[in-house]
Amino acid sequence: MKLLRYRAGGEVRPGLLDSTGAVRDLSAHVPDITGAVLGDEALARLAALDPTELPLVEGNLELAPCTGQTGKFLGIGLNYTDHAEEMGMALPEHPILFLKATSSICGPDDDVILPRGSMAADWEVELGVVIGTAAKYVTEEDALNHVAGYCVVNDVSERDYQTKLTGQWTKGKSCDTFGPIGPWLVTRDEVPDPQNLWLTCNVNGARQQAGTTATMVFTVAQIISHLSQLMTLQPGDVIATGTPPGVGMGRKPQPAYLQPGDVMRLEIEGLGVQTQTVRADA
């Protein structure tokens, strides 16, 4: 299934994308797409529904983040071998972990707003993993059984905030709108191998990032297992699993950063497309 959330009349409603690409309303069956409905049994009940019997949602839709009420938004740094190479940094021995504030989460096509004083905002297309069942001390072999599904994440990063404000990555990762998620949550049964997905990011129509999850330093299963030794991963938690090469900070001879009016287009194979316009905060 491809689950989503859309805005209508000042509220957010749950939906799914049917086989024709049309949106169907799920409001009669679940109040929202949150951790409470992402367990295997709840997802099986939704999968048993006949989409053609669900109300058709017509018109131009404004998509909300594909999951709501996120408890933890976790990020993994330097997790692609070719990205670490472009940054001139050694491969990590363990997954590098940072937090993104949940207040950074926004819809897949919402504007990305540069905070006042921002001079070094960067793009990062990433495979997002959404937890479906609580994971504590899980093995790598069992880790993917705790996944509800996958989505596209743009881990927008203000590099000066990230690297110069006492070295706290979270500061550069957590600005408002720096976490577009969606367009939809693709359940894990539709993604048989999360280590075989193609990712791209274009800025103003020019390809900046292109890579494959096959070059991850730590696989999705390894990340989940590792994090579950440190904390309980709860249903609805989101993990951004790292970015392939092509970020603005890594451009030679000079970095290139986002400017007001720029348009980002991010895509992951089978998981959909996001498009954001950049603007400056008032």
Protein backbone atom coordinates (compact mmCIF):
# COMPACT_ATOMS: atom_id res chain seq x y z
CA MET A 1 0.00 0.00 0.00
CA LYS A 2 0.87 3.62 -0.43
CA LEU A 3 -0.55 5.51 2.55
CA LEU A 4 -0.72 9.28 2.67
CA ARG A 5 -2.19 12.26 4.47
CA TYR A 6 -3.78 15.24 2.78
CA ARG A 7 -5.07 18.62 3.88
CA ALA A 8 -8.75 19.41 3.47
CA GLY A 9 -10.74 22.22 5.01
CA GLY A 10 -8.20 23.02 7.68
CA GLU A 11 -7.70 19.42 8.78
CA VAL A 12 -5.48 16.51 7.80
CA ARG A 13 -7.14 13.32 6.57
CA PRO A 14 -5.76 9.83 5.94
CA GLY A 15 -5.77 8.32 2.48
CA LEU A 16 -4.22 5.78 0.19
CA LEU A 17 -3.08 5.83 -3.40
CA ASP A 18 -4.92 3.27 -5.53
CA SER A 19 -3.52 1.36 -8.49
CA THR A 20 -4.59 4.11 -10.91
CA GLY A 21 -2.81 6.85 -8.98
CA ALA A 22 -6.03 8.26 -7.52
CA VAL A 23 -6.34 9.13 -3.83
CA ARG A 24 -8.94 7.34 -1.74
CA ASP A 25 -10.15 8.57 1.62
CA LEU A 26 -9.54 6.35 4.67
CA SER A 27 -11.29 8.52 7.26
CA ALA A 28 -14.03 5.95 7.87
CA HIS A 29 -11.44 3.35 8.84
CA VAL A 30 -8.62 5.19 10.67
CA PRO A 31 -8.48 8.67 12.21
CA ASP A 32 -4.98 9.34 10.90
CA ILE A 33 -1.81 7.66 9.64
CA THR A 34 0.19 7.50 12.88
CA GLY A 35 2.12 4.90 14.82
CA ALA A 36 -1.16 3.62 16.24
CA VAL A 37 -2.16 2.17 12.83
CA LEU A 38 1.25 1.06 11.57
CA GLY A 39 1.49 -2.35 13.24
CA ASP A 40 1.22 -5.46 11.11
CA GLU A 41 -2.36 -6.28 12.14
CA ALA A 42 -3.63 -2.75 11.56
CA LEU A 43 -1.91 -2.55 8.19
CA ALA A 44 -3.37 -5.93 7.22
CA ARG A 45 -6.87 -4.61 7.92
CA LEU A 46 -6.25 -1.63 5.66
CA ALA A 47 -4.76 -3.84 2.97
CA ALA A 48 -7.92 -5.97 3.01
CA LEU A 49 -10.08 -3.00 2.01
CA ASP A 50 -11.25 -2.68 -1.59
CA PRO A 51 -9.89 0.71 -2.72
CA THR A 52 -12.65 1.06 -5.30
CA GLU A 53 -15.19 1.15 -2.47
CA LEU A 54 -13.42 4.00 -0.69
CA PRO A 55 -14.45 7.61 -1.40
CA LEU A 56 -12.49 9.15 -4.26
CA VAL A 57 -10.70 12.39 -3.34
CA GLU A 58 -10.85 14.78 -6.28
CA GLY A 59 -9.20 18.07 -7.08
CA ASN A 60 -5.68 19.35 -6.56
CA LEU A 61 -4.50 17.87 -3.29
CA GLU A 62 -2.14 19.44 -0.81
CA LEU A 63 -0.20 16.60 0.75
CA ALA A 64 0.74 16.61 4.42
CA PRO A 65 3.66 14.59 5.86
CA CYS A 66 2.86 10.94 5.16
CA THR A 67 2.91 10.08 8.88
CA GLY A 68 1.72 12.11 11.84
CA GLN A 69 2.49 12.43 15.56
CA THR A 70 6.09 11.38 15.04
CA GLY A 71 7.77 10.69 18.36
CA LYS A 72 11.41 10.58 17.24
CA PHE A 73 13.01 11.85 14.04
CA LEU A 74 16.46 10.25 13.86
CA GLY A 75 19.18 10.89 11.30
CA ILE A 76 22.23 8.89 10.29
CA GLY A 77 25.28 10.78 9.05
CA LEU A 78 28.00 9.81 6.57
CA ASN A 79 26.23 6.59 5.70
CA TYR A 80 27.17 6.30 2.03
CA THR A 81 30.69 5.34 1.08
CA ASP A 82 30.74 7.68 -1.91
CA HIS A 83 29.33 10.58 0.14
CA ALA A 84 32.02 10.13 2.80
CA GLU A 85 34.60 10.17 0.01
CA GLU A 86 33.31 13.46 -1.44
CA MET A 87 33.44 14.99 2.05
CA GLY A 88 36.99 13.71 2.61
CA MET A 89 35.96 11.91 5.80
CA ALA A 90 36.74 8.44 7.08
CA LEU A 91 33.98 5.85 7.18
CA PRO A 92 32.43 5.67 10.64
CA GLU A 93 32.95 2.61 12.83
CA HIS A 94 29.39 2.87 14.13
CA PRO A 95 26.34 4.72 12.74
CA ILE A 96 26.62 8.46 13.34
CA LEU A 97 23.39 9.56 15.01
CA PHE A 98 21.81 12.99 15.21
CA LEU A 99 18.29 14.18 15.97
CA LYS A 100 16.04 16.34 13.85
CA ALA A 101 13.37 18.18 15.82
CA THR A 102 9.92 16.84 14.98
CA SER A 103 8.89 20.47 14.44
CA SER A 104 11.05 20.41 11.29
CA ILE A 105 8.66 17.95 9.63
CA CYS A 106 6.57 19.30 6.76
CA GLY A 107 4.73 18.06 3.70
CA PRO A 108 6.60 16.75 0.66
CA ASP A 109 5.75 19.76 -1.49
CA ASP A 110 5.70 22.47 1.17
CA ASP A 111 8.07 25.41 0.83
CA VAL A 112 11.45 25.06 2.55
CA ILE A 113 11.96 28.24 4.54
CA LEU A 114 15.49 29.47 5.17
CA PRO A 115 15.85 30.83 8.71
CA ARG A 116 17.07 34.36 9.25
CA GLY A 117 20.79 34.59 8.65
CA SER A 118 21.03 31.30 6.80
CA MET A 119 23.82 31.28 4.22
CA ALA A 120 24.61 27.57 3.83
CA ALA A 121 21.42 25.53 3.48
CA ASP A 122 21.93 22.22 1.68
CA TRP A 123 19.85 19.44 0.11
CA GLU A 124 20.00 15.75 1.08
CA VAL A 125 17.77 13.09 -0.48
CA GLU A 126 17.41 10.18 1.94
CA LEU A 127 15.57 6.91 2.35
CA GLY A 128 13.19 7.31 5.27
CA VAL A 129 12.26 4.31 7.42
CA VAL A 130 9.08 4.40 9.51
CA ILE A 131 8.86 2.03 12.45
CA GLY A 132 5.68 -0.08 12.72
CA THR A 133 6.20 -2.15 15.87
CA ALA A 134 8.33 -1.34 18.90
CA ALA A 135 11.96 -2.41 18.52
CA LYS A 136 14.19 -3.00 21.54
CA TYR A 137 17.36 -5.11 21.43
CA VAL A 138 16.44 -6.55 18.04
CA THR A 139 18.82 -8.50 15.85
CA GLU A 140 19.78 -7.53 12.33
CA GLU A 141 17.92 -10.61 11.11
CA ASP A 142 14.68 -9.47 12.73
CA ALA A 143 15.07 -5.72 12.29
CA LEU A 144 13.12 -5.25 9.06
CA ASN A 145 10.09 -6.99 10.60
CA HIS A 146 9.71 -3.88 12.74
CA VAL A 147 9.40 -1.58 9.72
CA ALA A 148 5.98 -0.29 8.66
CA GLY A 149 7.26 1.20 5.44
CA TYR A 150 9.55 3.57 3.60
CA CYS A 151 9.36 7.13 2.29
CA VAL A 152 11.37 9.95 0.78
CA VAL A 153 12.99 12.39 3.21
CA ASN A 154 14.78 15.63 2.43
CA ASP A 155 17.25 16.08 5.28
CA VAL A 156 17.67 19.81 4.65
CA SER A 157 20.76 20.99 6.52
CA GLU A 158 22.12 24.43 7.38
CA ARG A 159 25.84 23.66 7.22
CA ASP A 160 27.08 26.69 9.18
CA TYR A 161 24.66 25.89 11.99
CA GLN A 162 25.66 22.24 11.77
CA THR A 163 29.43 22.68 11.86
CA LYS A 164 30.13 26.05 13.47
CA LEU A 165 27.66 26.31 16.36
CA THR A 166 29.77 24.25 18.78
CA GLY A 167 29.61 21.24 16.49
CA GLN A 168 26.06 20.22 17.28
CA TRP A 169 24.63 18.69 14.10
CA THR A 170 21.08 18.89 15.46
CA LYS A 171 21.20 22.69 15.31
CA GLY A 172 21.66 22.63 11.54
CA LYS A 173 19.13 19.86 10.97
CA SER A 174 16.13 21.08 12.96
CA CYS A 175 15.04 24.39 11.47
CA ASP A 176 11.36 24.69 10.66
CA THR A 177 10.49 22.96 7.33
CA PHE A 178 13.88 21.17 7.19
CA GLY A 179 12.21 17.74 7.18
CA PRO A 180 9.90 17.18 4.20
CA ILE A 181 8.47 13.64 4.38
CA GLY A 182 6.44 11.83 1.72
CA PRO A 183 4.63 11.96 -0.66
CA TRP A 184 3.45 8.64 0.75
CA LEU A 185 4.44 5.81 3.04
CA VAL A 186 5.08 2.67 1.01
CA THR A 187 4.53 -0.42 3.14
CA ARG A 188 7.45 -2.81 3.46
CA ASP A 189 5.82 -5.56 1.43
CA GLU A 190 6.26 -3.34 -1.63
CA VAL A 191 9.98 -2.80 -0.92
CA PRO A 192 11.52 -6.27 -0.88
CA ASP A 193 15.09 -4.94 -0.71
CA PRO A 194 15.69 -1.48 0.80
CA GLN A 195 19.36 -1.84 -0.20
CA ASN A 196 18.50 -1.73 -3.89
CA LEU A 197 16.84 1.65 -4.41
CA TRP A 198 17.92 4.51 -6.67
CA LEU A 199 17.87 8.06 -5.23
CA THR A 200 18.12 11.39 -7.04
CA CYS A 201 17.91 15.09 -6.24
CA ASN A 202 17.67 17.89 -8.80
CA VAL A 203 18.00 21.58 -8.01
CA ASN A 204 16.54 23.98 -10.57
CA GLY A 205 16.35 21.11 -13.04
CA ALA A 206 20.03 20.16 -12.75
CA ARG A 207 20.95 16.76 -11.33
CA GLN A 208 22.91 17.16 -8.11
CA GLN A 209 22.59 13.81 -6.39
CA ALA A 210 22.36 10.31 -7.81
CA GLY A 211 23.11 7.15 -5.94
CA THR A 212 21.90 3.82 -4.69
CA THR A 213 21.18 2.50 -1.23
CA ALA A 214 23.52 -0.37 -2.13
CA THR A 215 26.44 1.90 -1.16
CA MET A 216 25.23 2.46 2.38
CA VAL A 217 27.91 1.90 5.01
CA PHE A 218 25.29 0.51 7.41
CA THR A 219 22.20 -1.19 6.02
CA VAL A 220 18.69 -0.38 7.17
CA ALA A 221 18.68 -3.59 9.22
CA GLN A 222 22.00 -2.73 10.84
CA ILE A 223 20.81 0.79 11.67
CA ILE A 224 17.60 -0.41 13.30
CA SER A 225 19.39 -3.11 15.27
CA HIS A 226 22.07 -0.65 16.45
CA LEU A 227 19.60 2.03 17.51
CA SER A 228 17.41 -0.50 19.28
CA GLN A 229 20.33 -1.34 21.59
CA LEU A 230 20.38 2.32 22.68
CA MET A 231 16.67 3.19 22.84
CA THR A 232 13.30 1.69 22.11
CA LEU A 233 12.16 2.58 18.63
CA GLN A 234 8.44 3.28 18.83
CA PRO A 235 5.73 2.94 16.17
CA GLY A 236 5.75 6.05 14.02
CA ASP A 237 9.41 6.94 14.65
CA VAL A 238 11.19 8.07 11.47
CA ILE A 239 14.81 7.32 10.59
CA ALA A 240 16.57 9.23 7.79
CA THR A 241 19.26 6.80 6.72
CA GLY A 242 21.87 9.02 5.07
CA THR A 243 22.48 10.65 1.70
CA PRO A 244 24.38 9.74 -1.47
CA PRO A 245 27.03 12.03 -3.00
CA GLY A 246 26.24 15.37 -4.62
CA VAL A 247 25.42 17.63 -1.69
CA GLY A 248 26.18 21.32 -2.05
CA MET A 249 28.74 21.30 0.74
CA GLY A 250 30.80 18.75 -1.17
CA ARG A 251 30.98 20.66 -4.46
CA LYS A 252 34.47 21.53 -5.67
CA PRO A 253 36.15 23.97 -5.83
CA GLN A 254 33.46 25.93 -3.98
CA PRO A 255 30.37 24.74 -2.08
CA ALA A 256 26.95 25.66 -3.49
CA TYR A 257 23.99 26.34 -1.25
CA LEU A 258 20.28 26.92 -1.58
CA GLN A 259 18.95 30.37 -2.45
CA PRO A 260 15.41 31.79 -2.31
CA GLY A 261 13.53 30.73 -5.44
CA ASP A 262 15.45 27.48 -5.90
CA VAL A 263 13.35 24.38 -6.60
CA MET A 264 14.35 20.93 -5.33
CA ARG A 265 13.00 17.71 -6.81
CA LEU A 266 13.76 14.51 -4.93
CA GLU A 267 12.86 10.98 -5.99
CA ILE A 268 13.45 7.46 -4.72
CA GLU A 269 12.66 4.49 -6.91
CA GLY A 270 9.14 3.28 -6.13
CA LEU A 271 8.64 5.76 -3.29
CA GLY A 272 7.53 8.84 -5.19
CA VAL A 273 8.64 12.42 -5.79
CA GLN A 274 8.89 15.52 -3.61
CA THR A 275 9.19 19.08 -4.91
CA GLN A 276 9.99 22.08 -2.72
CA THR A 277 10.50 25.75 -3.47
CA VAL A 278 12.97 27.59 -1.25
CA ARG A 279 12.09 30.92 0.29
CA ALA A 280 13.53 33.16 2.97
CA ASP A 281 11.81 33.62 6.30
CA ALA A 282 10.15 36.95 6.84
